[in-house]
Protein backbone atom coordinates (compact mmCIF):
# COMPACT_ATOMS: atom_id res chain seq x y z
CA MET A 1 52.70 14.49 18.21
CA VAL A 2 49.53 16.59 18.42
CA PRO A 3 49.34 19.28 15.69
CA ARG A 4 50.07 22.78 16.94
CA THR A 5 46.69 24.07 15.75
CA LEU A 6 44.92 21.46 17.86
CA VAL A 7 46.99 22.35 20.90
CA LEU A 8 46.25 26.05 20.48
CA ALA A 9 42.54 25.44 19.93
CA ALA A 10 42.34 23.37 23.10
CA PHE A 11 44.41 25.98 24.90
CA LEU A 12 41.98 28.75 23.96
CA ALA A 13 39.03 26.53 24.85
CA THR A 14 40.54 25.97 28.27
CA ALA A 15 40.92 29.71 28.78
CA THR A 16 37.24 30.19 27.90
CA LEU A 17 36.06 27.38 30.16
CA THR A 18 37.98 28.50 33.20
CA GLY A 19 37.32 32.18 32.75
CA ALA A 20 38.58 34.45 35.49
CA ALA A 21 37.21 32.58 38.49
CA ALA A 22 39.26 33.59 41.50
CA LYS A 23 40.06 30.05 42.57
CA ASP A 24 41.05 28.69 39.15
CA PHE A 25 44.74 28.61 38.33
CA ARG A 26 45.83 28.19 34.70
CA PHE A 27 49.43 27.74 33.66
CA ALA A 28 51.46 26.76 30.63
CA PHE A 29 54.78 24.95 30.34
CA GLN A 30 56.81 24.33 27.19
CA SER A 31 55.98 20.59 27.15
CA ASP A 32 53.74 18.04 28.79
CA VAL A 33 54.40 15.55 31.57
CA SER A 34 55.77 12.27 30.25
CA SER A 35 53.12 10.23 32.07
CA MET A 36 51.03 10.33 35.21
CA ASP A 37 52.82 7.16 36.35
CA PRO A 38 55.25 8.58 38.95
CA TYR A 39 57.91 5.94 38.22
CA ASN A 40 57.97 6.51 34.46
CA LEU A 41 60.69 9.16 34.17
CA ASN A 42 63.17 10.72 36.58
CA GLU A 43 62.57 14.23 35.27
CA ALA A 44 61.90 17.26 37.43
CA PHE A 45 58.91 18.74 35.60
CA SER A 46 57.00 15.45 35.45
CA LEU A 47 57.84 14.64 39.08
CA GLY A 48 56.80 18.15 40.09
CA ILE A 49 53.36 17.84 38.50
CA GLN A 50 52.86 14.33 39.86
CA GLY A 51 53.91 15.57 43.30
CA ASN A 52 50.75 17.66 43.56
CA VAL A 53 48.70 14.48 43.23
CA TYR A 54 50.92 11.87 44.84
CA GLU A 55 52.99 12.22 48.02
CA GLY A 56 56.13 10.67 49.42
CA LEU A 57 57.02 9.73 52.95
CA THR A 58 58.82 13.08 53.00
CA ARG A 59 58.36 16.35 51.13
CA ARG A 60 60.16 19.68 50.63
CA ASP A 61 59.04 23.15 51.62
CA SER A 62 59.49 26.20 49.40
CA ASN A 63 63.08 26.56 50.65
CA LEU A 64 63.79 22.87 49.85
CA LEU A 65 63.96 21.87 53.51
CA MET A 66 62.77 18.32 54.17
CA GLN A 67 59.50 17.81 56.06
CA PRO A 68 57.46 14.80 57.17
CA ALA A 69 54.65 13.88 54.77
CA LEU A 70 53.12 10.39 54.67
CA ALA A 71 55.59 9.49 57.40
CA THR A 72 55.33 11.42 60.63
CA GLY A 73 58.83 10.44 61.73
CA TRP A 74 61.74 8.06 61.26
CA GLN A 75 64.72 6.80 63.17
CA MET A 76 67.78 4.67 62.58
CA MET A 77 67.23 1.54 64.68
CA GLU A 78 70.69 0.25 63.76
CA PRO A 79 73.15 1.27 61.02
CA THR A 80 71.35 -0.86 58.41
CA ARG A 81 67.73 -0.59 59.60
CA TRP A 82 65.50 2.48 59.51
CA ARG A 83 61.99 2.59 60.98
CA PHE A 84 59.30 4.89 59.55
CA THR A 85 56.10 5.74 61.39
CA LEU A 86 53.26 6.35 58.95
CA ARG A 87 50.69 9.11 59.20
CA PRO A 88 47.25 7.93 60.40
CA ASN A 89 43.87 8.84 58.91
CA VAL A 90 45.16 9.43 55.37
CA VAL A 91 43.06 8.27 52.43
CA PHE A 92 43.75 8.01 48.72
CA HIS A 93 41.59 9.96 46.30
CA ASP A 94 39.38 6.90 45.73
CA GLY A 95 38.73 6.61 49.47
CA ARG A 96 41.04 3.69 50.25
CA PRO A 97 43.01 4.09 53.49
CA PHE A 98 46.77 4.58 53.33
CA THR A 99 48.62 1.76 55.14
CA ALA A 100 51.99 0.07 55.41
CA ASP A 101 50.95 -2.31 52.61
CA ASP A 102 51.00 0.62 50.18
CA VAL A 103 54.55 1.55 51.19
CA VAL A 104 55.80 -2.02 50.79
CA PHE A 105 54.03 -2.30 47.43
CA SER A 106 55.44 1.04 46.21
CA ALA A 107 58.95 0.00 47.26
CA THR A 108 58.63 -3.12 45.11
CA ARG A 109 57.08 -1.26 42.18
CA VAL A 110 59.68 1.53 42.08
CA ARG A 111 62.45 -1.08 41.81
CA ALA A 112 60.71 -3.12 39.10
CA ASP A 113 61.69 -3.23 35.43
CA GLY A 114 60.37 -0.15 33.66
CA SER A 115 60.92 2.18 36.60
CA ASP A 116 63.22 5.14 36.05
CA LEU A 117 63.49 5.83 39.79
CA LYS A 118 65.17 2.64 40.97
CA SER A 119 68.01 4.71 42.44
CA ARG A 120 65.67 6.12 45.11
CA LEU A 121 65.89 2.76 46.92
CA SER A 122 69.20 1.47 45.55
CA SER A 123 70.63 0.92 49.04
CA VAL A 124 67.54 -0.93 50.30
CA ALA A 125 67.71 -4.73 50.56
CA ASP A 126 64.28 -5.36 52.08
CA VAL A 127 61.14 -3.51 53.18
CA VAL A 128 59.33 -5.02 56.15
CA LYS A 129 55.84 -4.25 57.39
CA VAL A 130 56.00 -4.08 61.19
CA ASP A 131 52.33 -3.15 61.59
CA GLU A 132 49.71 -1.05 59.78
CA ARG A 133 51.53 2.19 60.71
CA THR A 134 55.16 1.09 60.80
CA VAL A 135 57.61 0.05 58.09
CA ASP A 136 61.27 -0.95 58.38
CA PHE A 137 63.80 -0.46 55.59
CA VAL A 138 66.69 -2.92 55.77
CA LEU A 139 69.81 -1.68 53.99
CA ARG A 140 72.69 -3.43 52.27
CA ALA A 141 75.08 -1.00 53.95
CA PRO A 142 74.69 2.06 56.21
CA ASN A 143 73.14 5.08 54.50
CA PRO A 144 72.79 8.15 56.74
CA LEU A 145 70.96 10.06 53.97
CA LEU A 146 68.34 7.39 53.25
CA PRO A 147 65.17 9.58 53.19
CA ASN A 148 66.79 12.60 51.51
CA GLU A 149 65.55 11.65 48.03
CA TRP A 150 62.16 10.35 49.04
CA ASP A 151 60.21 13.55 48.47
CA THR A 152 59.99 12.41 44.81
CA TRP A 153 59.43 8.71 45.56
CA TYR A 154 55.65 8.77 45.61
CA ILE A 155 53.41 6.18 47.27
CA LEU A 156 50.74 4.40 45.22
CA SER A 157 47.70 2.52 46.44
CA LYS A 158 48.36 -1.21 46.30
CA GLY A 159 44.68 -2.07 45.88
CA TRP A 160 44.09 0.54 43.17
CA ALA A 161 47.10 -0.61 41.14
CA GLU A 162 46.18 -4.28 41.49
CA ASP A 163 42.54 -3.70 40.52
CA ARG A 164 43.63 -1.85 37.37
CA ASN A 165 46.52 -4.06 36.29
CA ALA A 166 49.05 -1.30 36.96
CA THR A 167 51.33 -3.11 39.39
CA ARG A 168 54.38 -2.56 37.20
CA PRO A 169 55.53 0.80 35.85
CA HIS A 170 55.83 1.38 32.13
CA SER A 171 59.15 2.61 30.82
CA ALA A 172 59.63 6.00 29.19
CA GLN A 173 61.54 4.09 26.52
CA SER A 174 58.48 2.05 25.61
CA LYS A 175 55.19 2.99 23.96
CA ASP A 176 53.35 0.54 26.20
CA GLU A 177 50.89 2.02 28.68
CA ASN A 178 48.91 0.89 31.69
CA PHE A 179 46.06 2.46 33.65
CA ALA A 180 48.47 4.63 35.67
CA THR A 181 49.77 6.29 32.49
CA ARG A 182 46.75 8.56 32.08
CA ASN A 183 45.07 8.17 35.45
CA ALA A 184 46.17 8.81 39.02
CA ASN A 185 45.18 8.00 42.59
CA GLY A 186 47.33 9.67 45.19
CA THR A 187 46.93 11.16 48.64
CA GLY A 188 48.01 14.67 47.67
CA PRO A 189 46.25 18.05 47.80
CA PHE A 190 45.00 17.78 44.18
CA GLN A 191 43.47 14.99 42.17
CA LEU A 192 43.47 14.40 38.43
CA ALA A 193 40.07 15.23 36.90
CA SER A 194 40.86 14.77 33.21
CA ARG A 195 43.88 14.30 30.99
CA GLU A 196 44.42 14.82 27.26
CA PRO A 197 48.16 14.26 26.61
CA ASP A 198 49.82 17.16 24.77
CA VAL A 199 46.56 19.14 25.00
CA ARG A 200 45.61 19.82 28.63
CA SER A 201 45.21 18.26 32.07
CA ILE A 202 42.73 19.44 34.70
CA PHE A 203 43.14 18.90 38.43
CA THR A 204 40.75 19.68 41.29
CA ALA A 205 41.43 20.34 44.95
CA ASN A 206 41.24 17.29 47.20
CA GLY A 207 38.65 18.03 49.88
CA THR A 208 39.80 15.10 52.04
CA TRP A 209 43.49 15.99 52.12
CA TRP A 210 45.03 15.29 55.51
CA ASP A 211 47.00 18.55 55.84
CA THR A 212 45.97 22.16 56.47
CA LYS A 213 45.21 23.86 53.17
CA THR A 214 47.47 26.84 52.40
CA HIS A 215 46.16 27.57 48.89
CA ASN A 216 42.77 28.88 47.72
CA LEU A 217 42.48 26.91 44.48
CA THR A 218 39.57 24.80 43.36
CA ARG A 219 40.92 23.86 39.95
CA VAL A 220 44.28 23.84 38.15
CA THR A 221 44.57 23.62 34.36
CA MET A 222 47.91 22.72 32.83
CA THR A 223 48.44 23.37 29.13
CA PRO A 224 51.63 22.46 27.23
CA VAL A 225 52.49 25.31 24.84
CA ALA A 226 55.74 24.73 22.98
CA VAL A 227 55.97 28.11 21.24
CA ASP A 228 57.55 30.73 23.51
CA ALA A 229 55.72 33.65 21.90
CA THR A 230 52.36 31.94 22.39
CA ARG A 231 52.98 31.31 26.08
CA VAL A 232 54.01 34.91 26.64
CA ALA A 233 51.06 36.30 24.65
CA ALA A 234 48.63 34.15 26.64
CA LEU A 235 50.09 35.45 29.89
CA LEU A 236 49.95 39.08 28.78
CA SER A 237 46.32 38.73 27.63
CA GLY A 238 45.23 37.06 30.88
CA GLN A 239 44.30 33.74 29.26
CA ILE A 240 46.65 32.06 31.73
CA ASP A 241 47.89 33.00 35.17
CA MET A 242 51.44 31.72 34.92
CA ALA A 243 53.93 30.61 32.25
CA PHE A 244 57.39 29.09 32.40
CA PRO A 245 60.06 29.19 31.28
CA ILE A 246 60.02 32.79 30.08
CA PRO A 247 62.40 33.52 27.18
CA ALA A 248 65.15 35.92 28.18
CA GLN A 249 64.12 38.40 25.48
CA ASP A 250 60.63 38.74 26.99
CA VAL A 251 61.61 39.32 30.62
CA ALA A 252 61.76 43.12 30.35
CA ARG A 253 58.40 43.32 28.56
CA LEU A 254 56.66 41.25 31.23
CA LYS A 255 58.26 43.28 34.00
CA ALA A 256 57.05 46.52 32.37
CA ASN A 257 53.47 45.29 32.09
CA PRO A 258 51.44 46.32 35.17
CA ASN A 259 49.48 43.06 35.09
CA THR A 260 52.43 40.68 35.06
CA LYS A 261 55.63 40.07 36.98
CA VAL A 262 58.73 37.93 36.50
CA LEU A 263 60.26 35.79 39.23
CA THR A 264 63.92 34.85 38.85
CA LYS A 265 66.15 32.63 40.97
CA PRO A 266 69.35 30.60 40.48
CA GLU A 267 68.44 26.96 39.87
CA VAL A 268 70.05 23.94 41.48
CA ARG A 269 70.14 22.20 38.09
CA ALA A 270 73.37 21.88 36.09
CA ILE A 271 73.35 21.77 32.28
CA PHE A 272 76.18 19.77 30.67
CA LEU A 273 77.37 17.73 27.71
CA GLY A 274 78.00 14.00 27.91
CA LEU A 275 80.11 11.81 25.66
CA ASP A 276 80.12 8.09 24.95
CA GLN A 277 83.39 6.91 26.49
CA SER A 278 82.61 3.18 26.69
CA ARG A 279 81.90 1.86 23.20
CA ASP A 280 84.87 0.85 21.09
CA GLU A 281 83.27 2.64 18.15
CA LEU A 282 80.79 5.51 18.36
CA LEU A 283 77.29 4.94 17.03
CA TYR A 284 77.07 8.29 15.26
CA SER A 285 80.47 9.33 13.93
CA ASN A 286 82.55 8.91 10.78
CA VAL A 287 85.47 7.60 12.87
CA LYS A 288 85.60 3.85 12.37
CA GLY A 289 87.36 1.23 14.45
CA LYS A 290 87.93 3.45 17.49
CA ASN A 291 86.25 5.93 19.80
CA PRO A 292 87.81 9.42 19.90
CA PHE A 293 85.96 10.24 23.13
CA LYS A 294 87.99 7.64 25.01
CA ASP A 295 90.93 10.04 24.62
CA ARG A 296 90.99 12.69 27.35
CA ARG A 297 92.71 15.09 24.96
CA VAL A 298 89.68 15.05 22.65
CA ARG A 299 87.27 15.60 25.52
CA LEU A 300 89.36 18.50 26.80
CA ALA A 301 89.62 19.93 23.30
CA ILE A 302 85.83 20.09 23.02
CA TYR A 303 85.62 21.64 26.50
CA GLN A 304 88.14 24.35 25.61
CA ALA A 305 86.47 25.05 22.26
CA ILE A 306 83.24 26.11 23.97
CA ASP A 307 82.88 29.86 24.43
CA ILE A 308 80.74 29.64 27.54
CA GLN A 309 80.60 33.41 27.99
CA ALA A 310 79.12 33.82 24.52
CA ILE A 311 76.47 31.21 25.36
CA ARG A 312 75.69 33.07 28.57
CA ASP A 313 75.51 36.50 26.93
CA LYS A 314 74.02 35.76 23.51
CA VAL A 315 71.97 32.60 23.94
CA MET A 316 70.91 32.82 27.58
CA ARG A 317 70.95 36.66 27.71
CA GLY A 318 72.42 36.57 31.19
CA LEU A 319 69.99 33.99 32.62
CA ALA A 320 72.75 31.46 33.31
CA THR A 321 75.88 31.18 35.41
CA PRO A 322 78.82 29.36 33.78
CA THR A 323 80.01 26.49 35.95
CA ALA A 324 82.71 23.88 36.27
CA MET A 325 80.46 21.68 38.41
CA MET A 326 77.92 18.96 37.73
CA VAL A 327 75.76 20.28 40.57
CA GLY A 328 74.19 23.64 41.17
CA PRO A 329 74.21 26.18 44.01
CA GLY A 330 72.34 24.91 47.03
CA VAL A 331 73.54 21.33 46.53
CA ALA A 332 75.95 19.92 49.11
CA GLY A 333 79.35 19.74 47.46
CA PHE A 334 78.82 22.68 45.11
CA ASP A 335 81.99 24.78 45.00
CA PRO A 336 81.58 28.23 43.39
CA ASP A 337 85.37 28.54 43.25
CA GLN A 338 85.79 25.45 41.06
CA GLN A 339 87.38 26.73 37.86
CA ARG A 340 86.39 25.85 34.33
CA TYR A 341 89.09 24.89 31.89
CA PRO A 342 89.76 28.11 29.95
CA PHE A 343 88.17 28.83 26.60
CA ASP A 344 91.14 28.43 24.23
CA PRO A 345 90.46 27.29 20.64
CA LEU A 346 94.18 27.26 19.79
CA ALA A 347 94.98 24.94 22.69
CA ALA A 348 91.98 22.84 21.72
CA ARG A 349 93.18 22.51 18.15
CA LYS A 350 96.61 21.45 19.38
CA LEU A 351 95.02 18.78 21.57
CA MET A 352 93.12 17.45 18.54
CA ASP A 353 96.35 17.25 16.57
CA GLU A 354 98.13 15.44 19.42
CA ALA A 355 95.29 12.95 19.66
CA GLY A 356 95.59 12.12 15.97
CA TYR A 357 92.57 14.06 14.73
CA ALA A 358 94.24 16.90 12.87
CA ASN A 359 91.55 16.64 10.21
CA GLY A 360 88.80 16.45 12.78
CA PHE A 361 85.77 14.15 12.51
CA ARG A 362 81.99 14.18 12.23
CA ILE A 363 79.66 13.57 15.16
CA THR A 364 75.92 13.75 15.90
CA LEU A 365 74.86 15.87 18.88
CA ASP A 366 71.53 14.87 20.45
CA CYS A 367 69.61 17.65 22.12
CA PRO A 368 66.07 18.15 23.47
CA ASN A 369 64.21 21.13 22.07
CA ASP A 370 61.55 21.58 24.74
CA ARG A 371 63.07 20.67 28.10
CA TYR A 372 65.72 23.15 29.28
CA ASN A 373 65.92 26.89 28.81
CA ASN A 374 67.08 27.53 25.22
CA ASP A 375 68.25 23.92 24.92
CA GLU A 376 68.18 23.76 21.12
CA ALA A 377 69.71 27.24 20.83
CA ILE A 378 72.60 26.16 23.08
CA CYS A 379 73.26 23.18 20.85
CA GLN A 380 73.06 25.34 17.74
CA ALA A 381 75.67 27.67 19.22
CA LEU A 382 78.02 24.72 19.80
CA VAL A 383 78.07 23.78 16.10
CA PRO A 384 80.31 26.64 14.84
CA MET A 385 82.42 26.56 18.02
CA LEU A 386 83.39 22.93 17.46
CA ALA A 387 83.81 23.51 13.74
CA ARG A 388 86.75 25.76 14.63
CA ILE A 389 88.67 22.71 15.88
CA GLY A 390 87.68 20.49 12.97
CA ILE A 391 84.65 18.74 14.49
CA THR A 392 81.61 18.78 12.22
CA VAL A 393 78.45 18.53 14.32
CA ASP A 394 75.21 17.13 12.96
CA LEU A 395 72.60 18.50 15.34
CA LYS A 396 69.59 16.34 16.13
CA ALA A 397 67.14 18.32 18.27
CA ILE A 398 63.93 16.49 19.20
CA PRO A 399 61.05 16.80 21.71
CA LYS A 400 61.78 15.50 25.18
CA VAL A 401 59.30 12.64 24.91
CA GLN A 402 61.42 11.22 22.09
CA TYR A 403 64.70 12.32 23.64
CA PHE A 404 64.16 10.52 26.94
CA ALA A 405 63.02 7.43 25.07
CA LYS A 406 66.41 7.07 23.37
CA ILE A 407 69.10 8.64 25.57
CA PRO A 408 69.01 6.94 29.01
CA PRO A 409 70.26 3.39 29.67
CA PRO A 410 69.71 0.71 28.64
CA LYS A 411 69.33 2.14 25.13
CA ARG A 412 72.09 4.77 25.29
CA ASP A 413 71.27 5.54 21.66
CA THR A 414 73.66 8.47 21.43
CA SER A 415 77.30 9.42 21.09
CA PHE A 416 77.18 13.05 22.23
CA TYR A 417 74.31 14.66 24.12
CA LEU A 418 73.07 17.58 26.22
CA LEU A 419 71.42 16.91 29.57
CA GLY A 420 70.39 18.74 32.73
CA TRP A 421 70.42 17.26 36.23
CA THR A 422 69.03 18.32 39.58
CA ALA A 423 70.57 16.38 42.44
CA ALA A 424 67.78 14.56 44.26
CA GLY A 425 68.15 15.16 47.97
CA TYR A 426 70.24 18.25 47.07
CA ASP A 427 73.45 16.38 47.79
CA SER A 428 76.33 15.57 45.41
CA LEU A 429 75.91 11.92 46.34
CA ASN A 430 72.89 11.68 44.03
CA THR A 431 74.73 13.10 41.01
CA LEU A 432 77.84 11.03 41.64
CA GLY A 433 75.79 7.89 42.11
CA ALA A 434 73.49 8.44 39.13
CA LEU A 435 75.77 10.07 36.55
CA VAL A 436 79.35 9.28 37.50
CA MET A 437 79.61 5.83 39.07
CA CYS A 438 80.46 2.93 36.76
CA PRO A 439 77.12 1.57 35.47
CA SER A 440 76.18 -1.75 37.05
CA ASP A 441 73.23 -4.07 37.45
CA ARG A 442 73.22 -3.22 41.17
CA GLY A 443 71.77 0.20 40.41
CA ALA A 444 74.92 2.32 40.16
CA GLY A 445 75.17 4.87 37.36
CA PRO A 446 71.56 4.62 36.11
CA PHE A 447 71.95 7.84 34.09
CA ASN A 448 75.62 7.39 33.22
CA VAL A 449 74.79 7.45 29.51
CA GLY A 450 78.40 7.84 28.37
CA GLY A 451 79.69 4.95 30.46
CA TYR A 452 82.45 6.93 32.22
CA CYS A 453 84.11 4.70 34.80
CA ASN A 454 86.79 5.41 37.40
CA PRO A 455 87.08 2.89 40.28
CA GLU A 456 88.50 5.55 42.61
CA VAL A 457 85.45 7.76 42.11
CA ASP A 458 83.27 4.72 42.81
CA ARG A 459 85.19 4.06 46.03
CA LEU A 460 84.76 7.66 47.16
CA THR A 461 81.05 7.64 46.28
CA VAL A 462 80.41 4.44 48.23
CA ALA A 463 82.28 5.89 51.20
CA LEU A 464 80.24 9.10 50.88
CA SER A 465 77.00 7.11 50.92
CA GLN A 466 77.92 5.61 54.30
CA GLU A 467 79.53 8.62 55.99
CA ALA A 468 77.54 10.76 58.43
CA ASP A 469 80.26 13.20 59.56
CA GLN A 470 79.80 16.43 57.58
CA LEU A 471 83.47 17.37 57.44
CA LYS A 472 84.43 13.93 56.17
CA ARG A 473 81.57 14.05 53.67
CA ALA A 474 82.80 17.37 52.36
CA ALA A 475 86.32 16.01 51.90
CA LEU A 476 85.09 12.90 50.08
CA THR A 477 82.87 14.98 47.82
CA ARG A 478 85.63 17.46 47.03
CA GLU A 479 88.04 14.69 46.07
CA ALA A 480 85.48 12.92 43.88
CA TRP A 481 84.70 16.11 41.96
CA ARG A 482 88.41 16.84 41.59
CA ILE A 483 88.92 13.51 39.83
CA VAL A 484 85.83 13.99 37.65
CA ARG A 485 87.15 17.38 36.53
CA GLU A 486 90.66 16.02 35.94
CA ASP A 487 89.28 13.16 33.86
CA VAL A 488 87.04 15.55 31.87
CA ALA A 489 84.31 13.01 32.48
CA TYR A 490 81.63 15.51 31.46
CA LEU A 491 81.60 19.00 29.95
CA PRO A 492 79.66 21.25 32.36
CA LEU A 493 78.10 24.36 30.84
CA HIS A 494 76.03 26.42 33.26
CA ASN A 495 73.44 26.63 36.00
CA GLN A 496 70.17 28.03 34.73
CA ILE A 497 68.55 31.09 36.26
CA LEU A 498 64.84 30.44 36.47
CA ALA A 499 62.43 32.91 34.90
CA TRP A 500 58.73 32.45 35.66
CA GLY A 501 56.05 34.81 34.37
CA VAL A 502 53.07 35.36 36.69
CA ARG A 503 49.96 37.53 36.66
CA SER A 504 50.08 40.27 39.29
CA ASN A 505 47.09 38.86 41.18
CA VAL A 506 48.82 35.52 41.79
CA ASP A 507 51.10 34.74 44.72
CA LEU A 508 53.28 31.65 44.62
CA ALA A 509 56.61 30.33 45.85
CA GLN A 510 59.42 29.90 43.33
CA ARG A 511 61.49 26.89 44.31
CA ALA A 512 65.14 26.65 43.24
CA ASP A 513 64.52 23.20 41.77
CA ASP A 514 62.03 24.61 39.19
CA ILE A 515 59.13 22.67 40.72
CA LEU A 516 55.79 24.45 40.88
CA ASP A 517 54.16 23.45 44.17
CA TRP A 518 50.44 24.25 44.03
CA ARG A 519 50.16 24.11 47.83
CA HIS A 520 51.63 27.61 47.99
CA ILE A 521 49.49 29.35 45.34
CA THR A 522 46.78 31.91 45.97
CA VAL A 523 44.79 33.78 43.32
CA ARG A 524 43.39 37.14 44.40
């Protein structure tokens, strides 16, 4: 971890270097990207930054509608074969031409050990080069939504990776690195100029980008600033042009300042609690010889002990919408009428007694402290709420770089944890497949940390993955989420409301997935 004084010194140096040049854009986020390797971590902020450098076969516009990118078109040749036509005259930042070989290579690399994005191609059995501009994807079973998640499956240069011994991704759960960890070579509108992890990263506009430029930037400087007050002060003073997230308590002050503005929008991400329901004994609990989270009554007790309205009002200061869903608004399958189990500490205490835990138990709650809006504060608020039903919570809040090294499979080094999830492809299928399906070596449930498993939900999810009819898809999705709620598989909390702080002379598009797309930024 870089000392805070060093981070701030570098931050101020960056502000001095960039000055107020009209085409420089300087922004701060609460943490850094995990790696420049686009297969390192399936996390929205890192993928968003990488997506300004790398590109997928598809991309999303500011309204999250899918567009062609490195592919100009695609068609289903037969139920289990899709053909993609690749864009001509595209070059990587190092001047190498983009070809079908790069797509085939990237398909192999993203499914290799160490990749956190294997699910992007989980239904693909084979990738076949037809010619230099055509690639076929052969599927294990029909998948009518195949390209929906490919805006964040980025294409790497085969030659560049081979020349630099970076043909395999490095895992976020490992300290090992390769050349792609701190370097990048994409086809996107910006290229990486320099990178100092946890200090700053500088990007420059790509003058050979294939698309029409819609921004006026020459340079982008990204600075991780963990302290909320420091980010806000830098924005107010003009040292940076944009900061996010903005703490709820500072929204009014930034709105009142004539030189700054605040953009808000409901996010598609859902914030929730997960519980280890698979181990016979929890890793971090004083209950020995059994796992209390295997008992639905205990899971429901915790759910009903959470005063979600108090979290919304006091912790989030209104910048959250309580939810009963594992997906957010804008995701196919989201149902705003889905009801949460009611907040009822007395009913929760009774459930604990019935389950044989009248005296409660002790449990460790793992939580990131620099990833989601007020993440550590949310977890702190849960401690006294659960104490009311006899559960003593030992809170372990750590930076996301450490958090994502211990929480996801295969480590699953947790018993109780907070996580956020944005459905890739903006369809419930992604969340069901990644978080809810029984974990398997075939790629199902890659982020099912708690090991929840219901064969009927698996059956519905598989059927959903192969169904094209929208009415039938809606029915399958509704039934799957009904079972997940009935099982109390997870404890949903809320959907965040994004709050971005921006200087008044900056125009940009706020996407509902919290991704900052530099293509749509102009500095006046």
